[in-house]
């Protein structure tokens, strides 16, 4: 079997908005979002909301964070999004309240079917539940759910769901320990 990319077809896929809105977002993101001052969190939240993102109270998004389609993103109250975090939001990305997504992390909702000779697009949402910390330079695969209060250690690759209150590390990420003992959670 040979790969035949000239037959690639994603006509079924919807970006969620028309081309004008998509291009306008990319222009805004590349200028007034990207070059806003460090502490202009409310301004960046305002811009994200104008393009359909659901942004909670007290959210801090750094100016270098990137959002492919912000209308497919929700971020809960008091969450922090670090420098150069990439929301590759071909599908939904849901970040809960009081979460930290540290610098250089990549949340990837799209991939391709490796057994398809036409390299068909596959998308699946990512959910990061309340109180979780995705540390620096973590890659999160499409379809992953990270449970409440979990930690993904720096430079990890998350290929499967992570249970609540656990620390995972490595590539692929593997269980290390509980984050808190049960009595600490009360």
C-alpha atoms as a PDB file:
ATOM      1  CA  UNK A   1       0.000   0.000   0.000  1.00  0.00           C
ATOM      2  CA  UNK A   2       1.174   3.552  -0.759  1.00  0.00           C
ATOM      3  CA  UNK A   3       0.222   6.838   0.799  1.00  0.00           C
ATOM      4  CA  UNK A   4      -1.587   9.100  -1.660  1.00  0.00           C
ATOM      5  CA  UNK A   5      -1.830  12.598  -0.193  1.00  0.00           C
ATOM      6  CA  UNK A   6      -3.353  14.130  -3.323  1.00  0.00           C
ATOM      7  CA  UNK A   7      -6.573  12.317  -2.351  1.00  0.00           C
ATOM      8  CA  UNK A   8      -6.583  13.807   1.163  1.00  0.00           C
ATOM      9  CA  UNK A   9     -10.076  15.062   1.950  1.00  0.00           C
ATOM     10  CA  UNK A  10     -11.278  16.920   5.007  1.00  0.00           C
ATOM     11  CA  UNK A  11     -14.404  18.331   3.394  1.00  0.00           C
ATOM     12  CA  UNK A  12     -16.435  16.814   6.248  1.00  0.00           C
ATOM     13  CA  UNK A  13     -14.513  18.861   8.835  1.00  0.00           C
ATOM     14  CA  UNK A  14     -15.939  22.116  10.195  1.00  0.00           C
ATOM     15  CA  UNK A  15     -13.689  24.778  11.695  1.00  0.00           C
ATOM     16  CA  UNK A  16     -16.794  26.107  13.415  1.00  0.00           C
ATOM     17  CA  UNK A  17     -16.687  29.566  11.818  1.00  0.00           C
ATOM     18  CA  UNK A  18     -16.422  30.888   8.278  1.00  0.00           C
ATOM     19  CA  UNK A  19     -13.099  31.695   6.614  1.00  0.00           C
ATOM     20  CA  UNK A  20     -13.437  35.426   7.253  1.00  0.00           C
ATOM     21  CA  UNK A  21     -13.737  34.891  11.036  1.00  0.00           C
ATOM     22  CA  UNK A  22     -10.856  32.383  11.018  1.00  0.00           C
ATOM     23  CA  UNK A  23      -8.566  34.784   9.154  1.00  0.00           C
ATOM     24  CA  UNK A  24      -9.645  37.723  11.332  1.00  0.00           C
ATOM     25  CA  UNK A  25      -8.780  35.724  14.461  1.00  0.00           C
ATOM     26  CA  UNK A  26      -5.358  34.809  13.071  1.00  0.00           C
ATOM     27  CA  UNK A  27      -4.708  38.492  12.310  1.00  0.00           C
ATOM     28  CA  UNK A  28      -5.826  39.589  15.801  1.00  0.00           C
ATOM     29  CA  UNK A  29      -3.839  36.814  17.478  1.00  0.00           C
ATOM     30  CA  UNK A  30      -0.703  37.693  15.525  1.00  0.00           C
ATOM     31  CA  UNK A  31      -0.889  41.397  16.382  1.00  0.00           C
ATOM     32  CA  UNK A  32      -2.863  42.981  19.227  1.00  0.00           C
ATOM     33  CA  UNK A  33      -3.112  39.734  21.214  1.00  0.00           C
ATOM     34  CA  UNK A  34       0.527  38.682  20.746  1.00  0.00           C
ATOM     35  CA  UNK A  35       2.050  42.119  21.359  1.00  0.00           C
ATOM     36  CA  UNK A  36      -0.085  43.080  24.363  1.00  0.00           C
ATOM     37  CA  UNK A  37       1.828  43.870  27.540  1.00  0.00           C
ATOM     38  CA  UNK A  38       2.591  41.157  30.082  1.00  0.00           C
ATOM     39  CA  UNK A  39      -0.110  42.045  32.604  1.00  0.00           C
ATOM     40  CA  UNK A  40      -2.927  42.706  30.099  1.00  0.00           C
ATOM     41  CA  UNK A  41      -4.768  39.506  31.003  1.00  0.00           C
ATOM     42  CA  UNK A  42      -8.212  41.144  30.893  1.00  0.00           C
ATOM     43  CA  UNK A  43      -7.512  42.455  27.381  1.00  0.00           C
ATOM     44  CA  UNK A  44      -6.502  39.030  26.093  1.00  0.00           C
ATOM     45  CA  UNK A  45      -9.498  37.416  27.818  1.00  0.00           C
ATOM     46  CA  UNK A  46     -11.723  40.031  26.166  1.00  0.00           C
ATOM     47  CA  UNK A  47     -10.275  39.219  22.732  1.00  0.00           C
ATOM     48  CA  UNK A  48     -10.693  35.475  23.262  1.00  0.00           C
ATOM     49  CA  UNK A  49     -14.310  35.979  24.368  1.00  0.00           C
ATOM     50  CA  UNK A  50     -15.007  38.137  21.287  1.00  0.00           C
ATOM     51  CA  UNK A  51     -14.054  35.116  19.195  1.00  0.00           C
ATOM     52  CA  UNK A  52     -16.247  32.710  21.160  1.00  0.00           C
ATOM     53  CA  UNK A  53     -13.925  31.282  23.810  1.00  0.00           C
ATOM     54  CA  UNK A  54     -15.524  30.625  27.185  1.00  0.00           C
ATOM     55  CA  UNK A  55     -13.133  32.278  29.650  1.00  0.00           C
ATOM     56  CA  UNK A  56     -13.817  32.249  33.402  1.00  0.00           C
ATOM     57  CA  UNK A  57     -13.058  34.919  35.990  1.00  0.00           C
ATOM     58  CA  UNK A  58      -9.445  35.585  36.941  1.00  0.00           C
ATOM     59  CA  UNK A  59      -7.964  33.634  34.009  1.00  0.00           C
ATOM     60  CA  UNK A  60      -4.410  34.579  33.087  1.00  0.00           C
ATOM     61  CA  UNK A  61      -3.396  33.857  29.493  1.00  0.00           C
ATOM     62  CA  UNK A  62       0.103  34.876  28.433  1.00  0.00           C
ATOM     63  CA  UNK A  63       0.451  36.864  25.202  1.00  0.00           C
ATOM     64  CA  UNK A  64       2.490  34.160  23.464  1.00  0.00           C
ATOM     65  CA  UNK A  65      -0.185  31.446  23.943  1.00  0.00           C
ATOM     66  CA  UNK A  66      -1.714  30.295  20.648  1.00  0.00           C
ATOM     67  CA  UNK A  67      -5.297  29.258  19.919  1.00  0.00           C
ATOM     68  CA  UNK A  68      -6.149  27.718  16.549  1.00  0.00           C
ATOM     69  CA  UNK A  69      -9.922  28.170  16.953  1.00  0.00           C
ATOM     70  CA  UNK A  70     -10.764  29.960  20.229  1.00  0.00           C
ATOM     71  CA  UNK A  71     -14.501  29.265  19.821  1.00  0.00           C
ATOM     72  CA  UNK A  72     -13.670  25.609  20.586  1.00  0.00           C
ATOM     73  CA  UNK A  73     -11.922  26.454  23.896  1.00  0.00           C
ATOM     74  CA  UNK A  74     -13.213  26.874  27.432  1.00  0.00           C
ATOM     75  CA  UNK A  75     -11.050  27.805  30.434  1.00  0.00           C
ATOM     76  CA  UNK A  76     -12.433  27.820  33.985  1.00  0.00           C
ATOM     77  CA  UNK A  77     -12.030  30.416  36.720  1.00  0.00           C
ATOM     78  CA  UNK A  78      -8.542  31.317  37.990  1.00  0.00           C
ATOM     79  CA  UNK A  79      -6.652  29.119  35.535  1.00  0.00           C
ATOM     80  CA  UNK A  80      -3.252  30.098  34.154  1.00  0.00           C
ATOM     81  CA  UNK A  81      -2.045  29.560  30.592  1.00  0.00           C
ATOM     82  CA  UNK A  82       1.730  29.949  30.236  1.00  0.00           C
ATOM     83  CA  UNK A  83       4.051  31.249  27.542  1.00  0.00           C
ATOM     84  CA  UNK A  84       3.931  29.496  24.177  1.00  0.00           C
ATOM     85  CA  UNK A  85       1.172  27.093  25.183  1.00  0.00           C
ATOM     86  CA  UNK A  86      -0.486  25.844  22.003  1.00  0.00           C
ATOM     87  CA  UNK A  87      -4.209  25.088  21.928  1.00  0.00           C
ATOM     88  CA  UNK A  88      -4.417  23.137  18.656  1.00  0.00           C
ATOM     89  CA  UNK A  89      -8.188  23.267  18.907  1.00  0.00           C
ATOM     90  CA  UNK A  90      -9.461  21.422  15.864  1.00  0.00           C
ATOM     91  CA  UNK A  91     -11.884  19.939  18.408  1.00  0.00           C
ATOM     92  CA  UNK A  92     -12.956  21.151  21.853  1.00  0.00           C
ATOM     93  CA  UNK A  93     -10.410  21.838  24.595  1.00  0.00           C
ATOM     94  CA  UNK A  94     -11.910  22.189  28.063  1.00  0.00           C
ATOM     95  CA  UNK A  95      -9.663  23.412  30.884  1.00  0.00           C
ATOM     96  CA  UNK A  96     -11.268  23.431  34.322  1.00  0.00           C
ATOM     97  CA  UNK A  97     -11.005  25.955  37.137  1.00  0.00           C
ATOM     98  CA  UNK A  98      -7.753  26.549  39.031  1.00  0.00           C
ATOM     99  CA  UNK A  99      -5.639  24.713  36.451  1.00  0.00           C
ATOM    100  CA  UNK A 100      -2.125  25.554  35.316  1.00  0.00           C
ATOM    101  CA  UNK A 101      -1.013  24.808  31.768  1.00  0.00           C
ATOM    102  CA  UNK A 102       2.696  25.649  31.887  1.00  0.00           C
ATOM    103  CA  UNK A 103       4.917  27.102  29.190  1.00  0.00           C
ATOM    104  CA  UNK A 104       5.564  25.308  25.905  1.00  0.00           C
ATOM    105  CA  UNK A 105       2.802  22.713  26.449  1.00  0.00           C
ATOM    106  CA  UNK A 106       0.876  21.519  23.404  1.00  0.00           C
ATOM    107  CA  UNK A 107      -2.763  20.432  23.624  1.00  0.00           C
ATOM    108  CA  UNK A 108      -3.391  18.595  20.348  1.00  0.00           C
ATOM    109  CA  UNK A 109      -6.935  17.670  19.312  1.00  0.00           C
ATOM    110  CA  UNK A 110      -6.047  16.577  15.781  1.00  0.00           C
ATOM    111  CA  UNK A 111      -4.101  13.765  14.168  1.00  0.00           C
ATOM    112  CA  UNK A 112      -4.290  11.482  11.137  1.00  0.00           C
ATOM    113  CA  UNK A 113      -5.298   7.881  10.555  1.00  0.00           C
ATOM    114  CA  UNK A 114      -1.972   6.120   9.949  1.00  0.00           C
ATOM    115  CA  UNK A 115      -3.710   3.142   8.289  1.00  0.00           C
ATOM    116  CA  UNK A 116      -5.587   5.324   5.812  1.00  0.00           C
ATOM    117  CA  UNK A 117      -3.696   5.671   2.502  1.00  0.00           C
ATOM    118  CA  UNK A 118      -5.254   9.137   2.210  1.00  0.00           C
ATOM    119  CA  UNK A 119      -4.076  10.151   5.737  1.00  0.00           C
ATOM    120  CA  UNK A 120      -7.586  11.007   6.956  1.00  0.00           C
ATOM    121  CA  UNK A 121      -7.989  13.641   9.644  1.00  0.00           C
ATOM    122  CA  UNK A 122      -9.030  12.511  13.137  1.00  0.00           C
ATOM    123  CA  UNK A 123     -10.130  14.927  15.860  1.00  0.00           C
ATOM    124  CA  UNK A 124     -11.086  14.372  19.472  1.00  0.00           C
ATOM    125  CA  UNK A 125     -11.573  16.736  22.384  1.00  0.00           C
ATOM    126  CA  UNK A 126      -9.262  17.178  25.387  1.00  0.00           C
ATOM    127  CA  UNK A 127     -10.577  17.705  28.924  1.00  0.00           C
ATOM    128  CA  UNK A 128      -8.376  18.916  31.785  1.00  0.00           C
ATOM    129  CA  UNK A 129     -10.366  18.879  35.002  1.00  0.00           C
ATOM    130  CA  UNK A 130     -10.306  21.282  37.965  1.00  0.00           C
ATOM    131  CA  UNK A 131      -7.097  21.784  39.910  1.00  0.00           C
ATOM    132  CA  UNK A 132      -4.805  19.979  37.477  1.00  0.00           C
ATOM    133  CA  UNK A 133      -1.306  21.083  36.542  1.00  0.00           C
ATOM    134  CA  UNK A 134       0.155  20.343  33.125  1.00  0.00           C
ATOM    135  CA  UNK A 135       3.828  21.255  33.639  1.00  0.00           C
ATOM    136  CA  UNK A 136       6.304  22.633  31.086  1.00  0.00           C
ATOM    137  CA  UNK A 137       6.585  21.202  27.582  1.00  0.00           C
ATOM    138  CA  UNK A 138       3.906  18.509  27.941  1.00  0.00           C
ATOM    139  CA  UNK A 139       2.230  17.056  24.851  1.00  0.00           C
ATOM    140  CA  UNK A 140      -1.402  15.973  25.322  1.00  0.00           C
ATOM    141  CA  UNK A 141      -2.891  13.647  22.686  1.00  0.00           C
ATOM    142  CA  UNK A 142      -6.395  13.971  21.199  1.00  0.00           C
ATOM    143  CA  UNK A 143      -9.150  12.432  23.311  1.00  0.00           C
ATOM    144  CA  UNK A 144      -7.302  12.581  26.639  1.00  0.00           C
ATOM    145  CA  UNK A 145      -9.077  13.384  29.905  1.00  0.00           C
ATOM    146  CA  UNK A 146      -6.867  14.531  32.785  1.00  0.00           C
ATOM    147  CA  UNK A 147      -8.658  13.968  36.101  1.00  0.00           C
ATOM    148  CA  UNK A 148      -9.177  16.486  38.909  1.00  0.00           C
ATOM    149  CA  UNK A 149      -6.108  17.583  40.877  1.00  0.00           C
ATOM    150  CA  UNK A 150      -3.677  15.587  38.713  1.00  0.00           C
ATOM    151  CA  UNK A 151      -0.154  16.627  37.760  1.00  0.00           C
ATOM    152  CA  UNK A 152       1.627  15.868  34.504  1.00  0.00           C
ATOM    153  CA  UNK A 153       5.385  16.306  35.002  1.00  0.00           C
ATOM    154  CA  UNK A 154       7.498  18.439  32.678  1.00  0.00           C
ATOM    155  CA  UNK A 155       8.331  17.053  29.237  1.00  0.00           C
ATOM    156  CA  UNK A 156       5.790  14.247  29.485  1.00  0.00           C
ATOM    157  CA  UNK A 157       3.649  12.839  26.685  1.00  0.00           C
ATOM    158  CA  UNK A 158       0.073  12.031  27.668  1.00  0.00           C
ATOM    159  CA  UNK A 159      -1.428   9.353  25.422  1.00  0.00           C
ATOM    160  CA  UNK A 160      -4.226   8.067  27.685  1.00  0.00           C
ATOM    161  CA  UNK A 161      -6.628   9.290  30.355  1.00  0.00           C
ATOM    162  CA  UNK A 162      -5.131  10.244  33.715  1.00  0.00           C
ATOM    163  CA  UNK A 163      -7.108   9.431  36.891  1.00  0.00           C
ATOM    164  CA  UNK A 164      -7.870  12.115  39.465  1.00  0.00           C
ATOM    165  CA  UNK A 165      -5.279  13.114  42.079  1.00  0.00           C
ATOM    166  CA  UNK A 166      -2.324  11.358  40.471  1.00  0.00           C
ATOM    167  CA  UNK A 167       1.118  12.402  39.284  1.00  0.00           C
ATOM    168  CA  UNK A 168       2.259  11.063  35.905  1.00  0.00           C
ATOM    169  CA  UNK A 169       5.641  11.544  34.242  1.00  0.00           C
ATOM    170  CA  UNK A 170       7.566  10.389  31.184  1.00  0.00           C
ATOM    171  CA  UNK A 171       7.056   9.676  27.544  1.00  0.00           C
ATOM    172  CA  UNK A 172       4.617   8.042  27.490  1.00  0.00           C
ATOM    173  CA  UNK A 173       3.453   9.346  30.870  1.00  0.00           C
ATOM    174  CA  UNK A 174       3.293   6.706  33.595  1.00  0.00           C
ATOM    175  CA  UNK A 175       1.962   6.700  37.139  1.00  0.00           C
ATOM    176  CA  UNK A 176       4.397   8.061  39.753  1.00  0.00           C
ATOM    177  CA  UNK A 177       2.324   8.605  42.908  1.00  0.00           C
ATOM    178  CA  UNK A 178      -0.779  10.178  44.370  1.00  0.00           C
ATOM    179  CA  UNK A 179      -0.676  13.961  44.480  1.00  0.00           C
ATOM    180  CA  UNK A 180      -2.452  14.217  47.847  1.00  0.00           C
ATOM    181  CA  UNK A 181      -3.366  11.600  50.408  1.00  0.00           C
ATOM    182  CA  UNK A 182      -7.099  11.207  50.920  1.00  0.00           C
ATOM    183  CA  UNK A 183      -7.092  13.057  54.287  1.00  0.00           C
ATOM    184  CA  UNK A 184      -5.316  16.040  52.634  1.00  0.00           C
ATOM    185  CA  UNK A 185      -8.194  16.416  50.180  1.00  0.00           C
ATOM    186  CA  UNK A 186     -10.777  17.021  52.907  1.00  0.00           C
END
